[in-house]
C-alpha atoms as a PDB file:
ATOM      1  CA  MET A   1    -178.985  62.601  32.042  1.00  0.00           C
ATOM      2  CA  SER A   2    -177.485  64.590  29.184  1.00  0.00           C
ATOM      3  CA  LEU A   3    -176.573  62.006  26.764  1.00  0.00           C
ATOM      4  CA  GLU A   4    -174.803  64.973  24.496  1.00  0.00           C
ATOM      5  CA  ARG A   5    -171.528  63.092  24.015  1.00  0.00           C
ATOM      6  CA  LYS A   6    -170.784  60.892  21.740  1.00  0.00           C
ATOM      7  CA  TYR A   7    -168.581  56.932  22.080  1.00  0.00           C
ATOM      8  CA  ILE A   8    -167.016  56.767  18.480  1.00  0.00           C
ATOM      9  CA  TYR A   9    -166.473  52.869  17.653  1.00  0.00           C
ATOM     10  CA  GLY A  10    -165.053  53.496  14.088  1.00  0.00           C
ATOM     11  CA  ILE A  11    -165.238  55.199  10.792  1.00  0.00           C
ATOM     12  CA  ILE A  12    -166.771  53.551   7.518  1.00  0.00           C
ATOM     13  CA  GLU A  13    -167.786  54.923   3.768  1.00  0.00           C
ATOM     14  CA  GLU A  14    -171.868  55.383   4.492  1.00  0.00           C
ATOM     15  CA  SER A  15    -173.467  58.469   2.741  1.00  0.00           C
ATOM     16  CA  LYS A  16    -176.991  57.779   4.720  1.00  0.00           C
ATOM     17  CA  PRO A  17    -177.175  58.128   8.240  1.00  0.00           C
ATOM     18  CA  MET A  18    -178.077  54.598   9.745  1.00  0.00           C
ATOM     19  CA  LYS A  19    -179.004  53.153  12.722  1.00  0.00           C
ATOM     20  CA  PHE A  20    -178.102  49.818  13.303  1.00  0.00           C
ATOM     21  CA  SER A  21    -179.933  46.222  15.374  1.00  0.00           C
ATOM     22  CA  PHE A  22    -176.849  45.870  17.193  1.00  0.00           C
ATOM     23  CA  LEU A  23    -176.541  47.687  21.017  1.00  0.00           C
ATOM     24  CA  GLY A  24    -172.993  49.566  21.929  1.00  0.00           C
ATOM     25  CA  VAL A  25    -171.703  50.422  25.014  1.00  0.00           C
ATOM     26  CA  GLY A  26    -173.783  50.755  27.977  1.00  0.00           C
ATOM     27  CA  ASP A  27    -176.527  48.829  25.888  1.00  0.00           C
ATOM     28  CA  THR A  28    -177.093  52.178  23.967  1.00  0.00           C
ATOM     29  CA  GLU A  29    -178.178  52.224  20.296  1.00  0.00           C
ATOM     30  CA  VAL A  30    -175.420  52.393  17.347  1.00  0.00           C
ATOM     31  CA  TYR A  31    -176.185  54.728  14.694  1.00  0.00           C
ATOM     32  CA  THR A  32    -173.888  57.083  12.536  1.00  0.00           C
ATOM     33  CA  ILE A  33    -172.873  60.506  12.194  1.00  0.00           C
ATOM     34  CA  ASN A  34    -172.320  61.594   8.416  1.00  0.00           C
ATOM     35  CA  HIS A  35    -170.595  63.925   6.506  1.00  0.00           C
ATOM     36  CA  ARG A  36    -170.816  63.421   3.010  1.00  0.00           C
ATOM     37  CA  GLU A  37    -169.324  60.123   1.811  1.00  0.00           C
ATOM     38  CA  LEU A  38    -168.297  59.340   5.589  1.00  0.00           C
ATOM     39  CA  ALA A  39    -169.851  58.304   8.651  1.00  0.00           C
ATOM     40  CA  ALA A  40    -168.872  57.518  12.169  1.00  0.00           C
ATOM     41  CA  VAL A  41    -170.473  55.016  13.798  1.00  0.00           C
ATOM     42  CA  VAL A  42    -171.445  56.133  17.543  1.00  0.00           C
ATOM     43  CA  SER A  43    -173.648  55.885  20.139  1.00  0.00           C
ATOM     44  CA  ASP A  44    -174.912  58.427  23.042  1.00  0.00           C
ATOM     45  CA  THR A  45    -173.232  58.412  26.653  1.00  0.00           C
ATOM     46  CA  ALA A  46    -173.283  60.718  29.815  1.00  0.00           C
ATOM     47  CA  LEU A  47    -169.921  59.632  30.762  1.00  0.00           C
ATOM     48  CA  GLU A  48    -166.499  61.443  30.135  1.00  0.00           C
ATOM     49  CA  GLU A  49    -165.127  58.204  30.667  1.00  0.00           C
ATOM     50  CA  ILE A  50    -165.857  54.576  30.589  1.00  0.00           C
ATOM     51  CA  ASP A  51    -164.177  51.824  32.439  1.00  0.00           C
ATOM     52  CA  PRO A  52    -162.728  48.952  30.801  1.00  0.00           C
ATOM     53  CA  THR A  53    -165.175  46.490  32.077  1.00  0.00           C
ATOM     54  CA  ARG A  54    -165.150  43.324  30.299  1.00  0.00           C
ATOM     55  CA  LYS A  55    -169.384  43.681  29.258  1.00  0.00           C
ATOM     56  CA  ASP A  56    -168.128  47.025  27.759  1.00  0.00           C
ATOM     57  CA  VAL A  57    -165.162  46.013  25.998  1.00  0.00           C
ATOM     58  CA  ARG A  58    -167.105  43.102  24.620  1.00  0.00           C
ATOM     59  CA  ALA A  59    -170.077  45.946  23.508  1.00  0.00           C
ATOM     60  CA  HIS A  60    -166.799  47.539  21.566  1.00  0.00           C
ATOM     61  CA  THR A  61    -165.951  44.701  20.225  1.00  0.00           C
ATOM     62  CA  VAL A  62    -169.424  43.235  18.826  1.00  0.00           C
ATOM     63  CA  VAL A  63    -170.115  46.493  17.647  1.00  0.00           C
ATOM     64  CA  GLN A  64    -166.834  46.607  15.238  1.00  0.00           C
ATOM     65  CA  ASP A  65    -166.988  42.703  14.559  1.00  0.00           C
ATOM     66  CA  GLU A  66    -170.873  43.342  13.025  1.00  0.00           C
ATOM     67  CA  LEU A  67    -169.575  46.808  11.261  1.00  0.00           C
ATOM     68  CA  LEU A  68    -166.784  44.365   9.571  1.00  0.00           C
ATOM     69  CA  LYS A  69    -169.739  41.978   8.605  1.00  0.00           C
ATOM     70  CA  ASN A  70    -171.829  45.061   6.372  1.00  0.00           C
ATOM     71  CA  TYR A  71    -168.646  47.350   5.108  1.00  0.00           C
ATOM     72  CA  CYS A  72    -166.086  46.717   3.152  1.00  0.00           C
ATOM     73  CA  SER A  73    -163.139  48.903   5.447  1.00  0.00           C
ATOM     74  CA  LEU A  74    -163.555  49.804   8.882  1.00  0.00           C
ATOM     75  CA  LEU A  75    -161.096  52.123  10.467  1.00  0.00           C
ATOM     76  CA  PRO A  76    -161.287  51.125  14.311  1.00  0.00           C
ATOM     77  CA  MET A  77    -160.751  53.433  17.073  1.00  0.00           C
ATOM     78  CA  GLY A  78    -159.659  52.450  20.442  1.00  0.00           C
ATOM     79  CA  PHE A  79    -161.984  51.812  23.373  1.00  0.00           C
ATOM     80  CA  GLY A  80    -163.100  54.835  25.050  1.00  0.00           C
ATOM     81  CA  MET A  81    -163.109  57.372  22.356  1.00  0.00           C
ATOM     82  CA  ILE A  82    -165.386  59.960  23.515  1.00  0.00           C
ATOM     83  CA  THR A  83    -166.245  63.844  21.993  1.00  0.00           C
ATOM     84  CA  ASP A  84    -168.308  66.241  23.747  1.00  0.00           C
ATOM     85  CA  SER A  85    -171.045  66.398  21.073  1.00  0.00           C
ATOM     86  CA  LYS A  86    -172.142  66.036  17.932  1.00  0.00           C
ATOM     87  CA  ASP A  87    -170.638  68.701  16.631  1.00  0.00           C
ATOM     88  CA  ASP A  88    -167.077  67.394  17.403  1.00  0.00           C
ATOM     89  CA  VAL A  89    -167.802  64.322  15.806  1.00  0.00           C
ATOM     90  CA  LEU A  90    -169.145  66.418  12.569  1.00  0.00           C
ATOM     91  CA  LYS A  91    -165.669  68.403  12.868  1.00  0.00           C
ATOM     92  CA  LEU A  92    -163.611  65.378  13.105  1.00  0.00           C
ATOM     93  CA  LEU A  93    -164.540  63.911   9.859  1.00  0.00           C
ATOM     94  CA  GLU A  94    -164.489  67.067   8.305  1.00  0.00           C
ATOM     95  CA  LYS A  95    -161.371  68.006   9.330  1.00  0.00           C
ATOM     96  CA  ASN A  96    -159.980  64.739   8.478  1.00  0.00           C
ATOM     97  CA  TYR A  97    -161.857  64.132   5.223  1.00  0.00           C
ATOM     98  CA  GLN A  98    -159.334  63.160   2.753  1.00  0.00           C
ATOM     99  CA  GLU A  99    -156.505  61.159   4.866  1.00  0.00           C
ATOM    100  CA  LEU A 100    -159.849  59.151   6.499  1.00  0.00           C
ATOM    101  CA  SER A 101    -160.647  58.850   2.631  1.00  0.00           C
ATOM    102  CA  ARG A 102    -157.455  57.165   1.475  1.00  0.00           C
ATOM    103  CA  GLU A 103    -157.106  55.088   4.713  1.00  0.00           C
ATOM    104  CA  LEU A 104    -160.655  53.454   3.675  1.00  0.00           C
ATOM    105  CA  VAL A 105    -159.741  52.494   0.114  1.00  0.00           C
ATOM    106  CA  ARG A 106    -156.362  51.537   1.678  1.00  0.00           C
ATOM    107  CA  LEU A 107    -157.698  48.961   3.676  1.00  0.00           C
ATOM    108  CA  ALA A 108    -161.026  48.210   1.815  1.00  0.00           C
ATOM    109  CA  GLY A 109    -161.480  44.366   1.243  1.00  0.00           C
ATOM    110  CA  LYS A 110    -158.709  43.717   4.674  1.00  0.00           C
ATOM    111  CA  VAL A 111    -158.878  42.463   7.939  1.00  0.00           C
ATOM    112  CA  GLU A 112    -156.160  41.699  10.663  1.00  0.00           C
ATOM    113  CA  VAL A 113    -155.805  38.236  12.617  1.00  0.00           C
ATOM    114  CA  GLU A 114    -153.526  37.702  15.340  1.00  0.00           C
ATOM    115  CA  LEU A 115    -151.499  34.420  15.805  1.00  0.00           C
ATOM    116  CA  LYS A 116    -149.892  34.103  19.383  1.00  0.00           C
ATOM    117  CA  VAL A 117    -147.653  30.621  19.910  1.00  0.00           C
ATOM    118  CA  TYR A 118    -146.712  29.626  23.310  1.00  0.00           C
ATOM    119  CA  TRP A 119    -144.129  27.018  24.282  1.00  0.00           C
ATOM    120  CA  ASP A 120    -145.238  23.901  25.231  1.00  0.00           C
ATOM    121  CA  GLN A 121    -144.825  23.177  28.916  1.00  0.00           C
ATOM    122  CA  GLU A 122    -144.387  19.289  29.081  1.00  0.00           C
ATOM    123  CA  ALA A 123    -142.038  19.572  26.178  1.00  0.00           C
ATOM    124  CA  MET A 124    -139.965  22.437  27.344  1.00  0.00           C
ATOM    125  CA  ILE A 125    -140.347  20.728  30.938  1.00  0.00           C
ATOM    126  CA  LYS A 126    -138.716  17.593  28.914  1.00  0.00           C
ATOM    127  CA  GLU A 127    -136.404  19.187  27.107  1.00  0.00           C
ATOM    128  CA  LEU A 128    -134.866  21.171  30.171  1.00  0.00           C
ATOM    129  CA  GLN A 129    -134.495  18.043  32.486  1.00  0.00           C
ATOM    130  CA  GLY A 130    -132.958  15.536  29.889  1.00  0.00           C
ATOM    131  CA  GLY A 131    -132.537  17.148  26.581  1.00  0.00           C
ATOM    132  CA  SER A 132    -129.788  19.095  27.331  1.00  0.00           C
ATOM    133  CA  GLU A 133    -126.541  17.399  28.751  1.00  0.00           C
ATOM    134  CA  GLU A 134    -125.017  21.165  29.460  1.00  0.00           C
ATOM    135  CA  LEU A 135    -127.823  21.481  31.394  1.00  0.00           C
ATOM    136  CA  THR A 136    -127.675  18.196  33.362  1.00  0.00           C
ATOM    137  CA  ARG A 137    -124.069  18.889  34.269  1.00  0.00           C
ATOM    138  CA  LEU A 138    -124.646  22.195  35.897  1.00  0.00           C
ATOM    139  CA  LYS A 139    -127.510  21.016  38.081  1.00  0.00           C
ATOM    140  CA  ALA A 140    -124.711  18.033  38.930  1.00  0.00           C
ATOM    141  CA  LYS A 141    -122.628  20.470  40.069  1.00  0.00           C
ATOM    142  CA  VAL A 142    -125.021  23.147  41.408  1.00  0.00           C
ATOM    143  CA  LYS A 143    -126.186  19.982  44.213  1.00  0.00           C
ATOM    144  CA  ASN A 144    -122.436  19.537  44.643  1.00  0.00           C
ATOM    145  CA  ALA A 145    -120.797  22.651  45.326  1.00  0.00           C
ATOM    146  CA  GLN A 146    -118.280  23.202  47.796  1.00  0.00           C
ATOM    147  CA  SER A 147    -119.581  26.682  48.867  1.00  0.00           C
ATOM    148  CA  PRO A 148    -123.095  28.844  48.578  1.00  0.00           C
ATOM    149  CA  ILE A 149    -121.013  31.601  46.288  1.00  0.00           C
ATOM    150  CA  GLU A 150    -120.091  28.231  43.907  1.00  0.00           C
ATOM    151  CA  ALA A 151    -123.509  27.411  43.628  1.00  0.00           C
ATOM    152  CA  GLN A 152    -125.038  30.968  43.495  1.00  0.00           C
ATOM    153  CA  ARG A 153    -123.265  31.178  40.404  1.00  0.00           C
ATOM    154  CA  LEU A 154    -123.644  28.043  39.086  1.00  0.00           C
ATOM    155  CA  LEU A 155    -127.268  28.400  39.107  1.00  0.00           C
ATOM    156  CA  VAL A 156    -126.826  31.710  37.258  1.00  0.00           C
ATOM    157  CA  GLU A 157    -125.026  29.935  34.605  1.00  0.00           C
ATOM    158  CA  ALA A 158    -127.908  27.407  34.580  1.00  0.00           C
ATOM    159  CA  GLY A 159    -130.824  30.327  34.031  1.00  0.00           C
ATOM    160  CA  LYS A 160    -128.524  31.914  31.473  1.00  0.00           C
ATOM    161  CA  LEU A 161    -128.384  28.020  29.553  1.00  0.00           C
ATOM    162  CA  VAL A 162    -132.154  28.195  29.958  1.00  0.00           C
ATOM    163  CA  GLU A 163    -132.813  31.303  28.307  1.00  0.00           C
ATOM    164  CA  ARG A 164    -130.649  30.182  25.459  1.00  0.00           C
ATOM    165  CA  ILE A 165    -132.752  27.013  25.156  1.00  0.00           C
ATOM    166  CA  VAL A 166    -135.904  29.303  25.044  1.00  0.00           C
ATOM    167  CA  LEU A 167    -134.524  31.514  22.754  1.00  0.00           C
ATOM    168  CA  ASP A 168    -133.420  28.530  20.648  1.00  0.00           C
ATOM    169  CA  TRP A 169    -137.179  27.268  20.758  1.00  0.00           C
ATOM    170  CA  LYS A 170    -138.149  30.814  19.390  1.00  0.00           C
ATOM    171  CA  ALA A 171    -135.700  30.661  16.308  1.00  0.00           C
ATOM    172  CA  ARG A 172    -136.317  27.309  15.387  1.00  0.00           C
ATOM    173  CA  TYR A 173    -140.523  27.531  15.957  1.00  0.00           C
ATOM    174  CA  ALA A 174    -141.946  31.164  16.097  1.00  0.00           C
ATOM    175  CA  ASP A 175    -139.624  33.067  14.030  1.00  0.00           C
ATOM    176  CA  ARG A 176    -140.377  30.400  11.188  1.00  0.00           C
ATOM    177  CA  VAL A 177    -144.160  30.470  11.389  1.00  0.00           C
ATOM    178  CA  TYR A 178    -143.820  34.273  11.371  1.00  0.00           C
ATOM    179  CA  THR A 179    -141.582  34.256   8.369  1.00  0.00           C
ATOM    180  CA  VAL A 180    -143.972  31.777   6.916  1.00  0.00           C
ATOM    181  CA  LEU A 181    -147.169  33.816   7.636  1.00  0.00           C
ATOM    182  CA  LYS A 182    -145.689  36.841   6.652  1.00  0.00           C
ATOM    183  CA  GLY A 183    -145.027  35.654   2.994  1.00  0.00           C
ATOM    184  CA  LEU A 184    -148.827  35.421   2.847  1.00  0.00           C
ATOM    185  CA  SER A 185    -149.730  38.570   3.957  1.00  0.00           C
ATOM    186  CA  ILE A 186    -150.428  41.743   2.556  1.00  0.00           C
ATOM    187  CA  ASP A 187    -148.451  43.351   6.011  1.00  0.00           C
ATOM    188  CA  ALA A 188    -147.265  41.633   9.253  1.00  0.00           C
ATOM    189  CA  ARG A 189    -146.319  43.383  12.982  1.00  0.00           C
ATOM    190  CA  LEU A 190    -144.310  41.755  15.516  1.00  0.00           C
ATOM    191  CA  ASN A 191    -146.023  42.570  19.007  1.00  0.00           C
ATOM    192  CA  ASN A 192    -144.779  42.597  22.374  1.00  0.00           C
ATOM    193  CA  PRO A 193    -144.975  39.336  24.054  1.00  0.00           C
ATOM    194  CA  LEU A 194    -147.628  38.053  26.470  1.00  0.00           C
ATOM    195  CA  GLY A 195    -145.626  36.486  29.292  1.00  0.00           C
ATOM    196  CA  VAL A 196    -142.937  34.112  29.750  1.00  0.00           C
ATOM    197  CA  LYS A 197    -144.457  31.410  27.763  1.00  0.00           C
ATOM    198  CA  ASN A 198    -145.232  33.740  24.812  1.00  0.00           C
ATOM    199  CA  VAL A 199    -142.857  32.995  22.053  1.00  0.00           C
ATOM    200  CA  LEU A 200    -144.544  34.732  19.389  1.00  0.00           C
ATOM    201  CA  ASN A 201    -147.453  37.551  19.138  1.00  0.00           C
ATOM    202  CA  ALA A 202    -148.025  38.639  15.573  1.00  0.00           C
ATOM    203  CA  SER A 203    -151.016  40.475  13.958  1.00  0.00           C
ATOM    204  CA  PHE A 204    -151.172  39.900   9.886  1.00  0.00           C
ATOM    205  CA  LEU A 205    -153.134  42.000   7.718  1.00  0.00           C
ATOM    206  CA  ILE A 206    -154.916  39.633   4.876  1.00  0.00           C
ATOM    207  CA  GLY A 207    -157.412  40.196   2.461  1.00  0.00           C
ATOM    208  CA  ARG A 208    -160.982  38.877   3.371  1.00  0.00           C
ATOM    209  CA  ALA A 209    -161.205  36.481   0.316  1.00  0.00           C
ATOM    210  CA  LYS A 210    -157.465  35.453   1.404  1.00  0.00           C
ATOM    211  CA  GLU A 211    -158.373  34.014   4.967  1.00  0.00           C
ATOM    212  CA  ASN A 212    -159.644  30.333   4.604  1.00  0.00           C
ATOM    213  CA  ASP A 213    -155.991  30.488   2.843  1.00  0.00           C
ATOM    214  CA  PHE A 214    -153.899  31.694   5.675  1.00  0.00           C
ATOM    215  CA  GLN A 215    -156.242  29.437   8.142  1.00  0.00           C
ATOM    216  CA  LYS A 216    -155.288  26.374   6.257  1.00  0.00           C
ATOM    217  CA  GLU A 217    -151.459  27.097   6.269  1.00  0.00           C
ATOM    218  CA  VAL A 218    -152.138  28.211  10.197  1.00  0.00           C
ATOM    219  CA  PHE A 219    -153.570  24.390  10.939  1.00  0.00           C
ATOM    220  CA  LYS A 220    -150.678  23.684   8.855  1.00  0.00           C
ATOM    221  CA  LEU A 221    -148.040  24.988  10.769  1.00  0.00           C
ATOM    222  CA  ASP A 222    -149.949  24.170  14.123  1.00  0.00           C
ATOM    223  CA  SER A 223    -149.811  20.589  13.275  1.00  0.00           C
ATOM    224  CA  GLN A 224    -145.860  20.331  12.119  1.00  0.00           C
ATOM    225  CA  TYR A 225    -145.698  21.741  15.855  1.00  0.00           C
ATOM    226  CA  GLN A 226    -147.783  20.704  18.093  1.00  0.00           C
ATOM    227  CA  SER A 227    -145.878  18.561  20.377  1.00  0.00           C
ATOM    228  CA  LYS A 228    -143.351  21.663  20.882  1.00  0.00           C
ATOM    229  CA  VAL A 229    -145.766  24.815  20.967  1.00  0.00           C
ATOM    230  CA  ASN A 230    -149.392  25.801  20.871  1.00  0.00           C
ATOM    231  CA  PHE A 231    -151.364  28.517  18.547  1.00  0.00           C
ATOM    232  CA  LYS A 232    -153.993  30.495  19.189  1.00  0.00           C
ATOM    233  CA  TYR A 233    -155.457  32.192  16.113  1.00  0.00           C
ATOM    234  CA  VAL A 234    -158.082  35.215  16.397  1.00  0.00           C
ATOM    235  CA  GLY A 235    -159.590  36.777  13.449  1.00  0.00           C
ATOM    236  CA  PRO A 236    -160.592  38.532  11.296  1.00  0.00           C
ATOM    237  CA  LEU A 237    -160.799  41.565  13.154  1.00  0.00           C
ATOM    238  CA  ALA A 238    -160.449  45.265  12.175  1.00  0.00           C
ATOM    239  CA  PRO A 239    -157.352  46.361  11.727  1.00  0.00           C
ATOM    240  CA  TYR A 240    -156.306  48.167  14.443  1.00  0.00           C
ATOM    241  CA  ASN A 241    -152.498  47.113  14.428  1.00  0.00           C
ATOM    242  CA  PHE A 242    -152.379  48.824  10.474  1.00  0.00           C
ATOM    243  CA  VAL A 243    -154.225  52.125  10.600  1.00  0.00           C
ATOM    244  CA  ASN A 244    -152.052  54.869   9.727  1.00  0.00           C
ATOM    245  CA  VAL A 245    -154.309  58.144  10.026  1.00  0.00           C
ATOM    246  CA  ASN A 246    -152.683  60.689  12.289  1.00  0.00           C
ATOM    247  CA  LEU A 247    -156.226  62.913  12.856  1.00  0.00           C
ATOM    248  CA  GLU A 248    -155.940  66.584  13.013  1.00  0.00           C
ATOM    249  CA  ALA A 249    -157.134  67.360  16.651  1.00  0.00           C
ATOM    250  CA  VAL A 250    -160.811  69.150  17.083  1.00  0.00           C
ATOM    251  CA  ASP A 251    -160.702  72.970  19.154  1.00  0.00           C
END
């Protein structure tokens, strides 16, 4: 089976050919293909496409995590980027050399962290059951409705009220958290929510040296809002959401 194709994990600043001790997707050796001062970190594969199984996604992530430990800057590639040959990788580096070099300099010494905030189910149920007098009145009206049409109208009204309460929680807690942490970061991005309970899904670009300070502020906010919302912090990560490169395609 031919292993001509190359699976690319990312681009680093490295002039010497390197072989790494950690394995990549498909339990394959991870090494570099170099062009001048840049290197693509790759492994060999015979496949045109790779399914995102848990094992292979984890291997992809582990390679990038290890690179972050050893290099000042990493331009990460998304899962499943494959070229047909080593020559295609070299052409990619050659054609995009200046832009890749500039971006590596811009992101040097920086990492991404993710924060997801979820409303606490028990606290929200308590708020909906007894914390809102307007909702309590609506529930009583639904129970005593004179017709199915009236009951349906009241249920729609109650649904809108619940939505307003959730949005109020978002403004009261999630938006405040984002504002505070954005002020401590170099850049920040709001991502799409993950499910109904997720009121904040955000990524922050921070200096490696500032991560402990940033994390302490996250813990402080988590403690402050613990009875209302729950935090999930992930990092440091390769700066996926902050890479700004338009790669010129290889013929």
